[in-house]
Amino acid sequence: MITMYHYLFVGIILFLLGIVGSIISKNVIKVLICIEFMLTGININFITFATYCDGQNFDGYIFVLFYTGLGAVELGIALYIFYLMYQKKESDNIEKYCDL
């Protein structure tokens, strides 16, 4: 039987995987994907607490919808900024983008 702790464990693992990946990675696209992993881990935890702890209100689900929309906007803006920077440097290595 799957309990609340299983879902929380999956959310924490995704969040930690996103942190480690964004620190280690040298590729800008990989860093953006790792940030999305972090947001997915947070969303899993919100849904878990909304399902198991708050049966009457839909606050956790509303936060998940807000963070999903926020993640989509963040990813779109970040990809556009990366596109503009890629036109100048012609590389996806994050070490070449130290000057803004």
PDB file of N, CA and C in Angstrom:
ATOM      1  N   MET A   1       0.843  -1.183   0.000  1.00  0.00           N
ATOM      2  CA  MET A   1       0.000   0.000   0.000  1.00  0.00           C
ATOM      3  C   MET A   1       0.889   1.248   0.000  1.00  0.00           C
ATOM      4  N   ILE A   2       0.527   2.184  -0.826  1.00  0.00           N
ATOM      5  CA  ILE A   2       1.293   3.420  -0.937  1.00  0.00           C
ATOM      6  C   ILE A   2       0.747   4.423   0.070  1.00  0.00           C
ATOM      7  N   THR A   3       1.646   4.944   0.898  1.00  0.00           N
ATOM      8  CA  THR A   3       1.250   5.903   1.924  1.00  0.00           C
ATOM      9  C   THR A   3       1.737   7.298   1.553  1.00  0.00           C
ATOM     10  N   MET A   4       1.471   8.222   2.458  1.00  0.00           N
ATOM     11  CA  MET A   4       1.878   9.608   2.247  1.00  0.00           C
ATOM     12  C   MET A   4       3.396   9.731   2.179  1.00  0.00           C
ATOM     13  N   TYR A   5       4.091   8.923   2.925  1.00  0.00           N
ATOM     14  CA  TYR A   5       5.549   9.030   2.978  1.00  0.00           C
ATOM     15  C   TYR A   5       6.212   8.609   1.662  1.00  0.00           C
ATOM     16  N   HIS A   6       5.577   7.728   0.933  1.00  0.00           N
ATOM     17  CA  HIS A   6       6.122   7.345  -0.371  1.00  0.00           C
ATOM     18  C   HIS A   6       6.096   8.529  -1.338  1.00  0.00           C
ATOM     19  N   TYR A   7       4.973   9.246  -1.346  1.00  0.00           N
ATOM     20  CA  TYR A   7       4.871  10.416  -2.214  1.00  0.00           C
ATOM     21  C   TYR A   7       5.851  11.512  -1.794  1.00  0.00           C
ATOM     22  N   LEU A   8       5.983  11.722  -0.483  1.00  0.00           N
ATOM     23  CA  LEU A   8       6.923  12.721  -0.002  1.00  0.00           C
ATOM     24  C   LEU A   8       8.357  12.341  -0.348  1.00  0.00           C
ATOM     25  N   PHE A   9       8.665  11.055  -0.280  1.00  0.00           N
ATOM     26  CA  PHE A   9      10.002  10.594  -0.635  1.00  0.00           C
ATOM     27  C   PHE A   9      10.292  10.854  -2.111  1.00  0.00           C
ATOM     28  N   VAL A  10       9.326  10.595  -2.979  1.00  0.00           N
ATOM     29  CA  VAL A  10       9.515  10.858  -4.409  1.00  0.00           C
ATOM     30  C   VAL A  10       9.699  12.356  -4.659  1.00  0.00           C
ATOM     31  N   GLY A  11       8.918  13.191  -3.972  1.00  0.00           N
ATOM     32  CA  GLY A  11       9.056  14.636  -4.124  1.00  0.00           C
ATOM     33  C   GLY A  11      10.413  15.136  -3.656  1.00  0.00           C
ATOM     34  N   ILE A  12      10.891  14.602  -2.529  1.00  0.00           N
ATOM     35  CA  ILE A  12      12.197  15.021  -2.020  1.00  0.00           C
ATOM     36  C   ILE A  12      13.311  14.557  -2.941  1.00  0.00           C
ATOM     37  N   ILE A  13      13.200  13.337  -3.464  1.00  0.00           N
ATOM     38  CA  ILE A  13      14.218  12.827  -4.383  1.00  0.00           C
ATOM     39  C   ILE A  13      14.276  13.689  -5.651  1.00  0.00           C
ATOM     40  N   LEU A  14      13.118  14.052  -6.199  1.00  0.00           N
ATOM     41  CA  LEU A  14      13.106  14.915  -7.389  1.00  0.00           C
ATOM     42  C   LEU A  14      13.700  16.287  -7.097  1.00  0.00           C
ATOM     43  N   PHE A  15      13.375  16.841  -5.930  1.00  0.00           N
ATOM     44  CA  PHE A  15      13.910  18.145  -5.562  1.00  0.00           C
ATOM     45  C   PHE A  15      15.423  18.086  -5.403  1.00  0.00           C
ATOM     46  N   LEU A  16      15.930  17.077  -4.710  1.00  0.00           N
ATOM     47  CA  LEU A  16      17.374  16.942  -4.524  1.00  0.00           C
ATOM     48  C   LEU A  16      18.095  16.664  -5.842  1.00  0.00           C
ATOM     49  N   LEU A  17      17.467  15.882  -6.710  1.00  0.00           N
ATOM     50  CA  LEU A  17      18.043  15.629  -8.026  1.00  0.00           C
ATOM     51  C   LEU A  17      18.151  16.924  -8.824  1.00  0.00           C
ATOM     52  N   GLY A  18      17.161  17.783  -8.703  1.00  0.00           N
ATOM     53  CA  GLY A  18      17.207  19.079  -9.372  1.00  0.00           C
ATOM     54  C   GLY A  18      18.292  19.984  -8.824  1.00  0.00           C
ATOM     55  N   ILE A  19      18.461  19.990  -7.498  1.00  0.00           N
ATOM     56  CA  ILE A  19      19.518  20.817  -6.903  1.00  0.00           C
ATOM     57  C   ILE A  19      20.890  20.337  -7.343  1.00  0.00           C
ATOM     58  N   VAL A  20      21.124  19.030  -7.230  1.00  0.00           N
ATOM     59  CA  VAL A  20      22.434  18.479  -7.603  1.00  0.00           C
ATOM     60  C   VAL A  20      22.701  18.693  -9.093  1.00  0.00           C
ATOM     61  N   GLY A  21      21.700  18.467  -9.928  1.00  0.00           N
ATOM     62  CA  GLY A  21      21.875  18.642 -11.364  1.00  0.00           C
ATOM     63  C   GLY A  21      22.144  20.078 -11.756  1.00  0.00           C
ATOM     64  N   SER A  22      21.483  21.029 -11.095  1.00  0.00           N
ATOM     65  CA  SER A  22      21.711  22.426 -11.447  1.00  0.00           C
ATOM     66  C   SER A  22      23.064  22.923 -10.956  1.00  0.00           C
ATOM     67  N   ILE A  23      23.607  22.312  -9.911  1.00  0.00           N
ATOM     68  CA  ILE A  23      24.937  22.705  -9.435  1.00  0.00           C
ATOM     69  C   ILE A  23      26.031  22.082 -10.298  1.00  0.00           C
ATOM     70  N   ILE A  24      25.866  20.819 -10.665  1.00  0.00           N
ATOM     71  CA  ILE A  24      26.912  20.085 -11.380  1.00  0.00           C
ATOM     72  C   ILE A  24      26.960  20.429 -12.870  1.00  0.00           C
ATOM     73  N   SER A  25      25.806  20.638 -13.484  1.00  0.00           N
ATOM     74  CA  SER A  25      25.731  20.740 -14.934  1.00  0.00           C
ATOM     75  C   SER A  25      26.400  21.992 -15.477  1.00  0.00           C
ATOM     76  N   LYS A  26      27.025  21.856 -16.639  1.00  0.00           N
ATOM     77  CA  LYS A  26      27.655  22.982 -17.336  1.00  0.00           C
ATOM     78  C   LYS A  26      26.809  23.460 -18.515  1.00  0.00           C
ATOM     79  N   ASN A  27      25.748  22.729 -18.845  1.00  0.00           N
ATOM     80  CA  ASN A  27      24.900  23.049 -19.976  1.00  0.00           C
ATOM     81  C   ASN A  27      23.693  23.849 -19.487  1.00  0.00           C
ATOM     82  N   VAL A  28      23.353  24.918 -20.182  1.00  0.00           N
ATOM     83  CA  VAL A  28      22.261  25.793 -19.756  1.00  0.00           C
ATOM     84  C   VAL A  28      20.922  25.068 -19.828  1.00  0.00           C
ATOM     85  N   ILE A  29      20.702  24.282 -20.857  1.00  0.00           N
ATOM     86  CA  ILE A  29      19.433  23.555 -21.006  1.00  0.00           C
ATOM     87  C   ILE A  29      19.267  22.535 -19.888  1.00  0.00           C
ATOM     88  N   LYS A  30      20.345  21.871 -19.510  1.00  0.00           N
ATOM     89  CA  LYS A  30      20.266  20.909 -18.406  1.00  0.00           C
ATOM     90  C   LYS A  30      19.944  21.596 -17.085  1.00  0.00           C
ATOM     91  N   VAL A  31      20.472  22.785 -16.887  1.00  0.00           N
ATOM     92  CA  VAL A  31      20.158  23.535 -15.672  1.00  0.00           C
ATOM     93  C   VAL A  31      18.678  23.890 -15.642  1.00  0.00           C
ATOM     94  N   LEU A  32      18.123  24.299 -16.767  1.00  0.00           N
ATOM     95  CA  LEU A  32      16.693  24.625 -16.828  1.00  0.00           C
ATOM     96  C   LEU A  32      15.831  23.393 -16.566  1.00  0.00           C
ATOM     97  N   ILE A  33      16.238  22.250 -17.088  1.00  0.00           N
ATOM     98  CA  ILE A  33      15.490  21.015 -16.842  1.00  0.00           C
ATOM     99  C   ILE A  33      15.567  20.637 -15.367  1.00  0.00           C
ATOM    100  N   CYS A  34      16.711  20.836 -14.744  1.00  0.00           N
ATOM    101  CA  CYS A  34      16.853  20.526 -13.318  1.00  0.00           C
ATOM    102  C   CYS A  34      16.000  21.454 -12.456  1.00  0.00           C
ATOM    103  N   ILE A  35      15.858  22.703 -12.871  1.00  0.00           N
ATOM    104  CA  ILE A  35      14.964  23.614 -12.148  1.00  0.00           C
ATOM    105  C   ILE A  35      13.518  23.142 -12.281  1.00  0.00           C
ATOM    106  N   GLU A  36      13.156  22.624 -13.432  1.00  0.00           N
ATOM    107  CA  GLU A  36      11.814  22.058 -13.591  1.00  0.00           C
ATOM    108  C   GLU A  36      11.626  20.809 -12.728  1.00  0.00           C
ATOM    109  N   PHE A  37      12.672  20.006 -12.555  1.00  0.00           N
ATOM    110  CA  PHE A  37      12.601  18.870 -11.624  1.00  0.00           C
ATOM    111  C   PHE A  37      12.319  19.351 -10.211  1.00  0.00           C
ATOM    112  N   MET A  38      12.964  20.441  -9.817  1.00  0.00           N
ATOM    113  CA  MET A  38      12.738  20.982  -8.484  1.00  0.00           C
ATOM    114  C   MET A  38      11.289  21.434  -8.320  1.00  0.00           C
ATOM    115  N   LEU A  39      10.753  22.105  -9.330  1.00  0.00           N
ATOM    116  CA  LEU A  39       9.356  22.535  -9.253  1.00  0.00           C
ATOM    117  C   LEU A  39       8.398  21.351  -9.232  1.00  0.00           C
ATOM    118  N   THR A  40       8.731  20.280  -9.945  1.00  0.00           N
ATOM    119  CA  THR A  40       7.886  19.086  -9.932  1.00  0.00           C
ATOM    120  C   THR A  40       7.906  18.421  -8.562  1.00  0.00           C
ATOM    121  N   GLY A  41       9.060  18.376  -7.923  1.00  0.00           N
ATOM    122  CA  GLY A  41       9.142  17.832  -6.564  1.00  0.00           C
ATOM    123  C   GLY A  41       8.302  18.625  -5.584  1.00  0.00           C
ATOM    124  N   ILE A  42       8.330  19.959  -5.724  1.00  0.00           N
ATOM    125  CA  ILE A  42       7.508  20.809  -4.864  1.00  0.00           C
ATOM    126  C   ILE A  42       6.029  20.560  -5.131  1.00  0.00           C
ATOM    127  N   ASN A  43       5.658  20.423  -6.396  1.00  0.00           N
ATOM    128  CA  ASN A  43       4.252  20.171  -6.738  1.00  0.00           C
ATOM    129  C   ASN A  43       3.764  18.837  -6.189  1.00  0.00           C
ATOM    130  N   ILE A  44       4.605  17.814  -6.225  1.00  0.00           N
ATOM    131  CA  ILE A  44       4.214  16.508  -5.670  1.00  0.00           C
ATOM    132  C   ILE A  44       3.972  16.635  -4.175  1.00  0.00           C
ATOM    133  N   ASN A  45       4.818  17.384  -3.485  1.00  0.00           N
ATOM    134  CA  ASN A  45       4.615  17.562  -2.050  1.00  0.00           C
ATOM    135  C   ASN A  45       3.344  18.352  -1.749  1.00  0.00           C
ATOM    136  N   PHE A  46       3.050  19.388  -2.534  1.00  0.00           N
ATOM    137  CA  PHE A  46       1.814  20.143  -2.341  1.00  0.00           C
ATOM    138  C   PHE A  46       0.586  19.256  -2.535  1.00  0.00           C
ATOM    139  N   ILE A  47       0.596  18.451  -3.581  1.00  0.00           N
ATOM    140  CA  ILE A  47      -0.549  17.574  -3.837  1.00  0.00           C
ATOM    141  C   ILE A  47      -0.680  16.527  -2.746  1.00  0.00           C
ATOM    142  N   THR A  48       0.440  16.019  -2.263  1.00  0.00           N
ATOM    143  CA  THR A  48       0.401  15.023  -1.193  1.00  0.00           C
ATOM    144  C   THR A  48      -0.212  15.599   0.069  1.00  0.00           C
ATOM    145  N   PHE A  49       0.238  16.774   0.478  1.00  0.00           N
ATOM    146  CA  PHE A  49      -0.325  17.378   1.678  1.00  0.00           C
ATOM    147  C   PHE A  49      -1.781  17.784   1.474  1.00  0.00           C
ATOM    148  N   ALA A  50      -2.138  18.214   0.276  1.00  0.00           N
ATOM    149  CA  ALA A  50      -3.536  18.572   0.015  1.00  0.00           C
ATOM    150  C   ALA A  50      -4.429  17.343   0.054  1.00  0.00           C
ATOM    151  N   THR A  51      -3.931  16.206  -0.413  1.00  0.00           N
ATOM    152  CA  THR A  51      -4.740  14.988  -0.444  1.00  0.00           C
ATOM    153  C   THR A  51      -4.878  14.366   0.938  1.00  0.00           C
ATOM    154  N   TYR A  52      -3.785  14.251   1.655  1.00  0.00           N
ATOM    155  CA  TYR A  52      -3.808  13.520   2.907  1.00  0.00           C
ATOM    156  C   TYR A  52      -4.140  14.380   4.127  1.00  0.00           C
ATOM    157  N   CYS A  53      -3.860  15.662   4.095  1.00  0.00           N
ATOM    158  CA  CYS A  53      -4.028  16.491   5.297  1.00  0.00           C
ATOM    159  C   CYS A  53      -5.184  17.484   5.215  1.00  0.00           C
ATOM    160  N   ASP A  54      -5.564  17.877   4.011  1.00  0.00           N
ATOM    161  CA  ASP A  54      -6.573  18.923   3.857  1.00  0.00           C
ATOM    162  C   ASP A  54      -7.662  18.421   2.920  1.00  0.00           C
ATOM    163  N   GLY A  55      -8.642  17.735   3.463  1.00  0.00           N
ATOM    164  CA  GLY A  55      -9.666  17.122   2.641  1.00  0.00           C
ATOM    165  C   GLY A  55     -10.728  18.076   2.137  1.00  0.00           C
ATOM    166  N   GLN A  56     -10.964  19.189   2.825  1.00  0.00           N
ATOM    167  CA  GLN A  56     -12.057  20.083   2.467  1.00  0.00           C
ATOM    168  C   GLN A  56     -11.648  21.193   1.506  1.00  0.00           C
ATOM    169  N   ASN A  57     -10.508  21.783   1.732  1.00  0.00           N
ATOM    170  CA  ASN A  57     -10.067  22.914   0.906  1.00  0.00           C
ATOM    171  C   ASN A  57      -9.214  22.414  -0.251  1.00  0.00           C
ATOM    172  N   PHE A  58      -9.105  23.244  -1.253  1.00  0.00           N
ATOM    173  CA  PHE A  58      -8.300  22.915  -2.435  1.00  0.00           C
ATOM    174  C   PHE A  58      -7.072  23.813  -2.535  1.00  0.00           C
ATOM    175  N   ASP A  59      -6.539  24.227  -1.394  1.00  0.00           N
ATOM    176  CA  ASP A  59      -5.411  25.152  -1.399  1.00  0.00           C
ATOM    177  C   ASP A  59      -4.175  24.545  -2.048  1.00  0.00           C
ATOM    178  N   GLY A  60      -3.872  23.289  -1.762  1.00  0.00           N
ATOM    179  CA  GLY A  60      -2.698  22.640  -2.342  1.00  0.00           C
ATOM    180  C   GLY A  60      -2.796  22.521  -3.848  1.00  0.00           C
ATOM    181  N   TYR A  61      -3.993  22.210  -4.332  1.00  0.00           N
ATOM    182  CA  TYR A  61      -4.181  22.079  -5.778  1.00  0.00           C
ATOM    183  C   TYR A  61      -4.070  23.432  -6.477  1.00  0.00           C
ATOM    184  N   ILE A  62      -4.534  24.481  -5.811  1.00  0.00           N
ATOM    185  CA  ILE A  62      -4.431  25.821  -6.387  1.00  0.00           C
ATOM    186  C   ILE A  62      -2.971  26.250  -6.460  1.00  0.00           C
ATOM    187  N   PHE A  63      -2.198  25.931  -5.408  1.00  0.00           N
ATOM    188  CA  PHE A  63      -0.766  26.234  -5.444  1.00  0.00           C
ATOM    189  C   PHE A  63      -0.072  25.481  -6.568  1.00  0.00           C
ATOM    190  N   VAL A  64      -0.460  24.234  -6.788  1.00  0.00           N
ATOM    191  CA  VAL A  64       0.150  23.444  -7.859  1.00  0.00           C
ATOM    192  C   VAL A  64      -0.155  24.052  -9.217  1.00  0.00           C
ATOM    193  N   LEU A  65      -1.380  24.477  -9.439  1.00  0.00           N
ATOM    194  CA  LEU A  65      -1.711  25.133 -10.700  1.00  0.00           C
ATOM    195  C   LEU A  65      -0.933  26.436 -10.872  1.00  0.00           C
ATOM    196  N   PHE A  66      -0.787  27.194  -9.786  1.00  0.00           N
ATOM    197  CA  PHE A  66      -0.024  28.438  -9.844  1.00  0.00           C
ATOM    198  C   PHE A  66       1.441  28.161 -10.167  1.00  0.00           C
ATOM    199  N   TYR A  67       2.043  27.179  -9.496  1.00  0.00           N
ATOM    200  CA  TYR A  67       3.455  26.870  -9.740  1.00  0.00           C
ATOM    201  C   TYR A  67       3.678  26.246 -11.113  1.00  0.00           C
ATOM    202  N   THR A  68       2.711  25.519 -11.623  1.00  0.00           N
ATOM    203  CA  THR A  68       2.851  24.973 -12.967  1.00  0.00           C
ATOM    204  C   THR A  68       2.849  26.095 -14.002  1.00  0.00           C
ATOM    205  N   GLY A  69       1.944  27.042 -13.839  1.00  0.00           N
ATOM    206  CA  GLY A  69       1.935  28.201 -14.733  1.00  0.00           C
ATOM    207  C   GLY A  69       3.180  29.047 -14.581  1.00  0.00           C
ATOM    208  N   LEU A  70       3.636  29.223 -13.340  1.00  0.00           N
ATOM    209  CA  LEU A  70       4.856  29.970 -13.091  1.00  0.00           C
ATOM    210  C   LEU A  70       6.065  29.275 -13.712  1.00  0.00           C
ATOM    211  N   GLY A  71       6.111  27.952 -13.632  1.00  0.00           N
ATOM    212  CA  GLY A  71       7.212  27.201 -14.232  1.00  0.00           C
ATOM    213  C   GLY A  71       7.222  27.313 -15.741  1.00  0.00           C
ATOM    214  N   ALA A  72       6.037  27.319 -16.356  1.00  0.00           N
ATOM    215  CA  ALA A  72       5.963  27.445 -17.809  1.00  0.00           C
ATOM    216  C   ALA A  72       6.433  28.826 -18.258  1.00  0.00           C
ATOM    217  N   VAL A  73       6.034  29.857 -17.546  1.00  0.00           N
ATOM    218  CA  VAL A  73       6.462  31.213 -17.889  1.00  0.00           C
ATOM    219  C   VAL A  73       7.960  31.371 -17.657  1.00  0.00           C
ATOM    220  N   GLU A  74       8.446  30.823 -16.546  1.00  0.00           N
ATOM    221  CA  GLU A  74       9.873  30.906 -16.240  1.00  0.00           C
ATOM    222  C   GLU A  74      10.703  30.202 -17.293  1.00  0.00           C
ATOM    223  N   LEU A  75      10.250  29.044 -17.731  1.00  0.00           N
ATOM    224  CA  LEU A  75      10.989  28.303 -18.745  1.00  0.00           C
ATOM    225  C   LEU A  75      10.967  29.026 -20.086  1.00  0.00           C
ATOM    226  N   GLY A  76       9.838  29.616 -20.445  1.00  0.00           N
ATOM    227  CA  GLY A  76       9.762  30.366 -21.698  1.00  0.00           C
ATOM    228  C   GLY A  76      10.676  31.574 -21.703  1.00  0.00           C
ATOM    229  N   ILE A  77      10.695  32.324 -20.608  1.00  0.00           N
ATOM    230  CA  ILE A  77      11.566  33.497 -20.521  1.00  0.00           C
ATOM    231  C   ILE A  77      13.031  33.083 -20.509  1.00  0.00           C
ATOM    232  N   ALA A  78      13.344  32.027 -19.758  1.00  0.00           N
ATOM    233  CA  ALA A  78      14.735  31.572 -19.686  1.00  0.00           C
ATOM    234  C   ALA A  78      15.225  31.056 -21.035  1.00  0.00           C
ATOM    235  N   LEU A  79      14.379  30.338 -21.766  1.00  0.00           N
ATOM    236  CA  LEU A  79      14.784  29.869 -23.096  1.00  0.00           C
ATOM    237  C   LEU A  79      14.986  31.018 -24.065  1.00  0.00           C
ATOM    238  N   TYR A  80      14.167  32.057 -23.958  1.00  0.00           N
ATOM    239  CA  TYR A  80      14.349  33.216 -24.831  1.00  0.00           C
ATOM    240  C   TYR A  80      15.649  33.950 -24.504  1.00  0.00           C
ATOM    241  N   ILE A  81      15.938  34.118 -23.221  1.00  0.00           N
ATOM    242  CA  ILE A  81      17.200  34.746 -22.826  1.00  0.00           C
ATOM    243  C   ILE A  81      18.380  33.907 -23.294  1.00  0.00           C
ATOM    244  N   PHE A  82      18.266  32.575 -23.152  1.00  0.00           N
ATOM    245  CA  PHE A  82      19.333  31.703 -23.630  1.00  0.00           C
ATOM    246  C   PHE A  82      19.496  31.809 -25.140  1.00  0.00           C
ATOM    247  N   TYR A  83      18.402  31.932 -25.874  1.00  0.00           N
ATOM    248  CA  TYR A  83      18.459  32.075 -27.323  1.00  0.00           C
ATOM    249  C   TYR A  83      19.196  33.360 -27.714  1.00  0.00           C
ATOM    250  N   LEU A  84      18.898  34.451 -27.016  1.00  0.00           N
ATOM    251  CA  LEU A  84      19.584  35.709 -27.307  1.00  0.00           C
ATOM    252  C   LEU A  84      21.066  35.627 -26.971  1.00  0.00           C
ATOM    253  N   MET A  85      21.402  34.966 -25.875  1.00  0.00           N
ATOM    254  CA  MET A  85      22.806  34.830 -25.495  1.00  0.00           C
ATOM    255  C   MET A  85      23.533  33.853 -26.413  1.00  0.00           C
ATOM    256  N   TYR A  86      22.832  32.836 -26.896  1.00  0.00           N
ATOM    257  CA  TYR A  86      23.444  31.855 -27.790  1.00  0.00           C
ATOM    258  C   TYR A  86      23.811  32.476 -29.138  1.00  0.00           C
ATOM    259  N   GLN A  87      23.023  33.447 -29.559  1.00  0.00           N
ATOM    260  CA  GLN A  87      23.337  34.126 -30.818  1.00  0.00           C
ATOM    261  C   GLN A  87      24.665  34.866 -30.736  1.00  0.00           C
ATOM    262  N   LYS A  88      25.030  35.363 -29.558  1.00  0.00           N
ATOM    263  CA  LYS A  88      26.290  36.097 -29.422  1.00  0.00           C
ATOM    264  C   LYS A  88      27.476  35.169 -29.180  1.00  0.00           C
ATOM    265  N   LYS A  89      27.326  34.184 -28.316  1.00  0.00           N
ATOM    266  CA  LYS A  89      28.457  33.334 -27.922  1.00  0.00           C
ATOM    267  C   LYS A  89      28.561  32.045 -28.735  1.00  0.00           C
ATOM    268  N   GLU A  90      27.463  31.563 -29.291  1.00  0.00           N
ATOM    269  CA  GLU A  90      27.383  30.321 -30.068  1.00  0.00           C
ATOM    270  C   GLU A  90      27.915  29.114 -29.287  1.00  0.00           C
ATOM    271  N   SER A  91      27.531  29.032 -28.029  1.00  0.00           N
ATOM    272  CA  SER A  91      27.908  27.906 -27.188  1.00  0.00           C
ATOM    273  C   SER A  91      26.838  27.726 -26.109  1.00  0.00           C
ATOM    274  N   ASP A  92      26.650  26.479 -25.668  1.00  0.00           N
ATOM    275  CA  ASP A  92      25.704  26.231 -24.593  1.00  0.00           C
ATOM    276  C   ASP A  92      26.404  25.948 -23.269  1.00  0.00           C
ATOM    277  N   ASN A  93      27.707  26.186 -23.200  1.00  0.00           N
ATOM    278  CA  ASN A  93      28.471  26.005 -21.972  1.00  0.00           C
ATOM    279  C   ASN A  93      28.204  27.196 -21.055  1.00  0.00           C
ATOM    280  N   ILE A  94      27.856  26.916 -19.829  1.00  0.00           N
ATOM    281  CA  ILE A  94      27.449  27.974 -18.893  1.00  0.00           C
ATOM    282  C   ILE A  94      28.622  28.842 -18.447  1.00  0.00           C
ATOM    283  N   GLU A  95      29.839  28.345 -18.584  1.00  0.00           N
ATOM    284  CA  GLU A  95      31.009  29.116 -18.161  1.00  0.00           C
ATOM    285  C   GLU A  95      31.309  30.277 -19.112  1.00  0.00           C
ATOM    286  N   LYS A  96      30.806  30.237 -20.329  1.00  0.00           N
ATOM    287  CA  LYS A  96      31.042  31.326 -21.280  1.00  0.00           C
ATOM    288  C   LYS A  96      30.073  32.480 -21.084  1.00  0.00           C
ATOM    289  N   TYR A  97      29.089  32.316 -20.214  1.00  0.00           N
ATOM    290  CA  TYR A  97      28.079  33.342 -20.006  1.00  0.00           C
ATOM    291  C   TYR A  97      28.260  34.049 -18.669  1.00  0.00           C
ATOM    292  N   CYS A  98      29.479  34.345 -18.286  1.00  0.00           N
ATOM    293  CA  CYS A  98      29.714  34.984 -16.993  1.00  0.00           C
ATOM    294  C   CYS A  98      29.465  36.494 -17.051  1.00  0.00           C
ATOM    295  N   ASP A  99      29.453  37.096 -18.233  1.00  0.00           N
ATOM    296  CA  ASP A  99      29.179  38.516 -18.357  1.00  0.00           C
ATOM    297  C   ASP A  99      27.763  38.717 -18.885  1.00  0.00           C
ATOM    298  N   LEU A 100      27.042  39.639 -18.278  1.00  0.00           N
ATOM    299  CA  LEU A 100      25.661  39.884 -18.713  1.00  0.00           C
ATOM    300  C   LEU A 100      25.535  41.272 -19.299  1.00  0.00           C
TER     301      LEU A 100
END
